[in-house]
Amino acid sequence: MSRVDNFAKGRFRKLDISRHIETQKIHMDLLFSGQLDSVYASRARRIGSAHRESAISLGDYLMAYGWFLNEFEQIIVRKIEDRSVVISMMAAMRKLVFLDMSIAASTYYVEFIE
């Protein structure tokens, strides 16, 4: 079991972590597919809403984005030798992840003030 799994199980005892991992994989596949349409945006808002309803703090949620960014960047650096390609890919990935994070954060905010 990874440190992340141990942390998540300790911090979020009521959540089905394995289900969340699978859901996260599906969501990231959609995010990186390049089809950032209304289907994607609706799904991103539903996920943000579900995390809010599960009482996951916005801080914890945003820290998870940081963890994913670090993991993705490590994979890119290990797999791609051309430094210019690495830099380009990391910039594109950050834009997508920050777009997703902004949708999640705005969902939290809207639900918080309602």
C-alpha atoms as a PDB file:
ATOM      1  CA  MET A   1       0.000   0.000   0.000  1.00  0.00           C
ATOM      2  CA  SER A   2       1.379   3.427  -0.957  1.00  0.00           C
ATOM      3  CA  ARG A   3       1.817   6.421   1.324  1.00  0.00           C
ATOM      4  CA  VAL A   4      -1.068   8.083  -0.462  1.00  0.00           C
ATOM      5  CA  ASP A   5      -3.359   5.113   0.176  1.00  0.00           C
ATOM      6  CA  ASN A   6      -2.352   5.057   3.841  1.00  0.00           C
ATOM      7  CA  PHE A   7      -2.903   8.800   4.169  1.00  0.00           C
ATOM      8  CA  ALA A   8      -6.262   8.677   2.383  1.00  0.00           C
ATOM      9  CA  LYS A   9      -7.533   5.728   4.423  1.00  0.00           C
ATOM     10  CA  GLY A  10      -6.570   7.468   7.646  1.00  0.00           C
ATOM     11  CA  ARG A  11      -7.869  10.886   6.661  1.00  0.00           C
ATOM     12  CA  PHE A  12     -11.027   9.886   4.811  1.00  0.00           C
ATOM     13  CA  ARG A  13     -12.270   6.802   6.625  1.00  0.00           C
ATOM     14  CA  LYS A  14     -15.817   7.012   5.237  1.00  0.00           C
ATOM     15  CA  LEU A  15     -14.763   7.031   1.578  1.00  0.00           C
ATOM     16  CA  ASP A  16     -14.372   4.063  -0.728  1.00  0.00           C
ATOM     17  CA  ILE A  17     -10.810   4.855  -1.793  1.00  0.00           C
ATOM     18  CA  SER A  18     -10.591   2.132  -4.464  1.00  0.00           C
ATOM     19  CA  ARG A  19     -13.746   3.463  -6.145  1.00  0.00           C
ATOM     20  CA  HIS A  20     -12.328   6.983  -6.032  1.00  0.00           C
ATOM     21  CA  ILE A  21      -9.082   5.819  -7.626  1.00  0.00           C
ATOM     22  CA  GLU A  22     -10.970   4.265 -10.536  1.00  0.00           C
ATOM     23  CA  THR A  23     -13.155   7.355 -10.909  1.00  0.00           C
ATOM     24  CA  GLN A  24     -10.040   9.537 -10.870  1.00  0.00           C
ATOM     25  CA  LYS A  25      -8.443   7.469 -13.645  1.00  0.00           C
ATOM     26  CA  ILE A  26     -11.531   7.845 -15.815  1.00  0.00           C
ATOM     27  CA  HIS A  27     -11.665  11.579 -15.135  1.00  0.00           C
ATOM     28  CA  MET A  28      -7.978  12.104 -15.936  1.00  0.00           C
ATOM     29  CA  ASP A  29      -8.375  10.144 -19.177  1.00  0.00           C
ATOM     30  CA  LEU A  30     -11.214  12.493 -20.113  1.00  0.00           C
ATOM     31  CA  LEU A  31      -9.226  15.574 -19.075  1.00  0.00           C
ATOM     32  CA  PHE A  32      -6.190  14.587 -21.150  1.00  0.00           C
ATOM     33  CA  SER A  33      -8.265  13.401 -24.126  1.00  0.00           C
ATOM     34  CA  GLY A  34      -8.466  16.958 -25.404  1.00  0.00           C
ATOM     35  CA  GLN A  35     -12.261  16.940 -25.575  1.00  0.00           C
ATOM     36  CA  LEU A  36     -12.946  19.727 -23.099  1.00  0.00           C
ATOM     37  CA  ASP A  37     -16.599  20.089 -23.936  1.00  0.00           C
ATOM     38  CA  SER A  38     -19.809  20.437 -21.952  1.00  0.00           C
ATOM     39  CA  VAL A  39     -19.709  16.718 -21.060  1.00  0.00           C
ATOM     40  CA  TYR A  40     -16.281  17.146 -19.495  1.00  0.00           C
ATOM     41  CA  ALA A  41     -17.267  20.364 -17.689  1.00  0.00           C
ATOM     42  CA  SER A  42     -20.443  18.798 -16.317  1.00  0.00           C
ATOM     43  CA  ARG A  43     -18.507  15.760 -15.074  1.00  0.00           C
ATOM     44  CA  ALA A  44     -15.857  17.988 -13.470  1.00  0.00           C
ATOM     45  CA  ARG A  45     -18.557  19.940 -11.627  1.00  0.00           C
ATOM     46  CA  ARG A  46     -20.244  16.718 -10.442  1.00  0.00           C
ATOM     47  CA  ILE A  47     -16.927  15.431  -9.109  1.00  0.00           C
ATOM     48  CA  GLY A  48     -16.214  18.721  -7.330  1.00  0.00           C
ATOM     49  CA  SER A  49     -19.702  18.649  -5.851  1.00  0.00           C
ATOM     50  CA  ALA A  50     -19.318  15.036  -4.702  1.00  0.00           C
ATOM     51  CA  HIS A  51     -16.068  15.882  -2.924  1.00  0.00           C
ATOM     52  CA  ARG A  52     -17.752  18.836  -1.207  1.00  0.00           C
ATOM     53  CA  GLU A  53     -20.669  16.628  -0.157  1.00  0.00           C
ATOM     54  CA  SER A  54     -18.180  14.084   1.217  1.00  0.00           C
ATOM     55  CA  ALA A  55     -16.821  16.837   3.502  1.00  0.00           C
ATOM     56  CA  ILE A  56     -13.399  16.843   1.867  1.00  0.00           C
ATOM     57  CA  SER A  57     -12.003  20.290   2.530  1.00  0.00           C
ATOM     58  CA  LEU A  58     -11.096  22.470  -0.412  1.00  0.00           C
ATOM     59  CA  GLY A  59      -7.544  22.577   0.943  1.00  0.00           C
ATOM     60  CA  ASP A  60      -7.229  18.789   0.899  1.00  0.00           C
ATOM     61  CA  TYR A  61      -8.811  18.667  -2.549  1.00  0.00           C
ATOM     62  CA  LEU A  62      -6.387  21.234  -3.946  1.00  0.00           C
ATOM     63  CA  MET A  63      -3.414  19.496  -2.314  1.00  0.00           C
ATOM     64  CA  ALA A  64      -4.412  16.359  -4.209  1.00  0.00           C
ATOM     65  CA  TYR A  65      -4.041  18.310  -7.453  1.00  0.00           C
ATOM     66  CA  GLY A  66      -0.512  19.173  -6.378  1.00  0.00           C
ATOM     67  CA  TRP A  67       0.213  15.503  -5.745  1.00  0.00           C
ATOM     68  CA  PHE A  68      -1.125  14.538  -9.176  1.00  0.00           C
ATOM     69  CA  LEU A  69       0.905  17.268 -10.875  1.00  0.00           C
ATOM     70  CA  ASN A  70       4.078  15.999  -9.222  1.00  0.00           C
ATOM     71  CA  GLU A  71       3.329  12.405 -10.224  1.00  0.00           C
ATOM     72  CA  PHE A  72       2.532  13.349 -13.810  1.00  0.00           C
ATOM     73  CA  GLU A  73       5.690  15.447 -14.093  1.00  0.00           C
ATOM     74  CA  GLN A  74       7.849  12.592 -12.769  1.00  0.00           C
ATOM     75  CA  ILE A  75       6.353  10.224 -15.353  1.00  0.00           C
ATOM     76  CA  ILE A  76       7.002  12.686 -18.177  1.00  0.00           C
ATOM     77  CA  VAL A  77      10.605  13.251 -17.083  1.00  0.00           C
ATOM     78  CA  ARG A  78      11.235   9.483 -16.866  1.00  0.00           C
ATOM     79  CA  LYS A  79       9.635   8.639 -20.215  1.00  0.00           C
ATOM     80  CA  ILE A  80      10.678  11.525 -22.474  1.00  0.00           C
ATOM     81  CA  GLU A  81      14.327  12.243 -23.228  1.00  0.00           C
ATOM     82  CA  ASP A  82      13.992  15.439 -25.278  1.00  0.00           C
ATOM     83  CA  ARG A  83      14.069  18.313 -22.759  1.00  0.00           C
ATOM     84  CA  SER A  84      12.131  20.686 -25.044  1.00  0.00           C
ATOM     85  CA  VAL A  85       9.342  18.102 -25.371  1.00  0.00           C
ATOM     86  CA  VAL A  86       9.322  17.589 -21.591  1.00  0.00           C
ATOM     87  CA  ILE A  87       8.965  21.324 -21.007  1.00  0.00           C
ATOM     88  CA  SER A  88       6.188  21.624 -23.590  1.00  0.00           C
ATOM     89  CA  MET A  89       4.297  18.605 -22.255  1.00  0.00           C
ATOM     90  CA  MET A  90       4.563  19.788 -18.663  1.00  0.00           C
ATOM     91  CA  ALA A  91       3.248  23.236 -19.591  1.00  0.00           C
ATOM     92  CA  ALA A  92       0.283  21.739 -21.450  1.00  0.00           C
ATOM     93  CA  MET A  93      -0.428  19.319 -18.601  1.00  0.00           C
ATOM     94  CA  ARG A  94      -0.353  22.122 -16.005  1.00  0.00           C
ATOM     95  CA  LYS A  95      -2.854  24.142 -18.061  1.00  0.00           C
ATOM     96  CA  LEU A  96      -5.260  21.206 -18.157  1.00  0.00           C
ATOM     97  CA  VAL A  97      -4.868  20.384 -14.473  1.00  0.00           C
ATOM     98  CA  PHE A  98      -5.334  24.024 -13.473  1.00  0.00           C
ATOM     99  CA  LEU A  99      -8.435  24.257 -15.671  1.00  0.00           C
ATOM    100  CA  ASP A 100      -9.843  21.207 -13.916  1.00  0.00           C
ATOM    101  CA  MET A 101      -8.853  22.585 -10.519  1.00  0.00           C
ATOM    102  CA  SER A 102     -10.530  25.926 -11.264  1.00  0.00           C
ATOM    103  CA  ILE A 103     -13.785  24.167 -12.154  1.00  0.00           C
ATOM    104  CA  ALA A 104     -13.613  22.172  -8.911  1.00  0.00           C
ATOM    105  CA  ALA A 105     -12.793  25.238  -6.806  1.00  0.00           C
ATOM    106  CA  SER A 106     -15.614  27.264  -8.354  1.00  0.00           C
ATOM    107  CA  THR A 107     -18.020  24.387  -7.677  1.00  0.00           C
ATOM    108  CA  TYR A 108     -16.935  24.343  -4.031  1.00  0.00           C
ATOM    109  CA  TYR A 109     -17.383  28.103  -3.809  1.00  0.00           C
ATOM    110  CA  VAL A 110     -20.850  28.124  -5.391  1.00  0.00           C
ATOM    111  CA  GLU A 111     -22.039  25.307  -3.123  1.00  0.00           C
ATOM    112  CA  PHE A 112     -20.476  26.948  -0.085  1.00  0.00           C
ATOM    113  CA  ILE A 113     -22.328  30.228  -0.542  1.00  0.00           C
ATOM    114  CA  GLU A 114     -25.676  28.589  -1.382  1.00  0.00           C
END
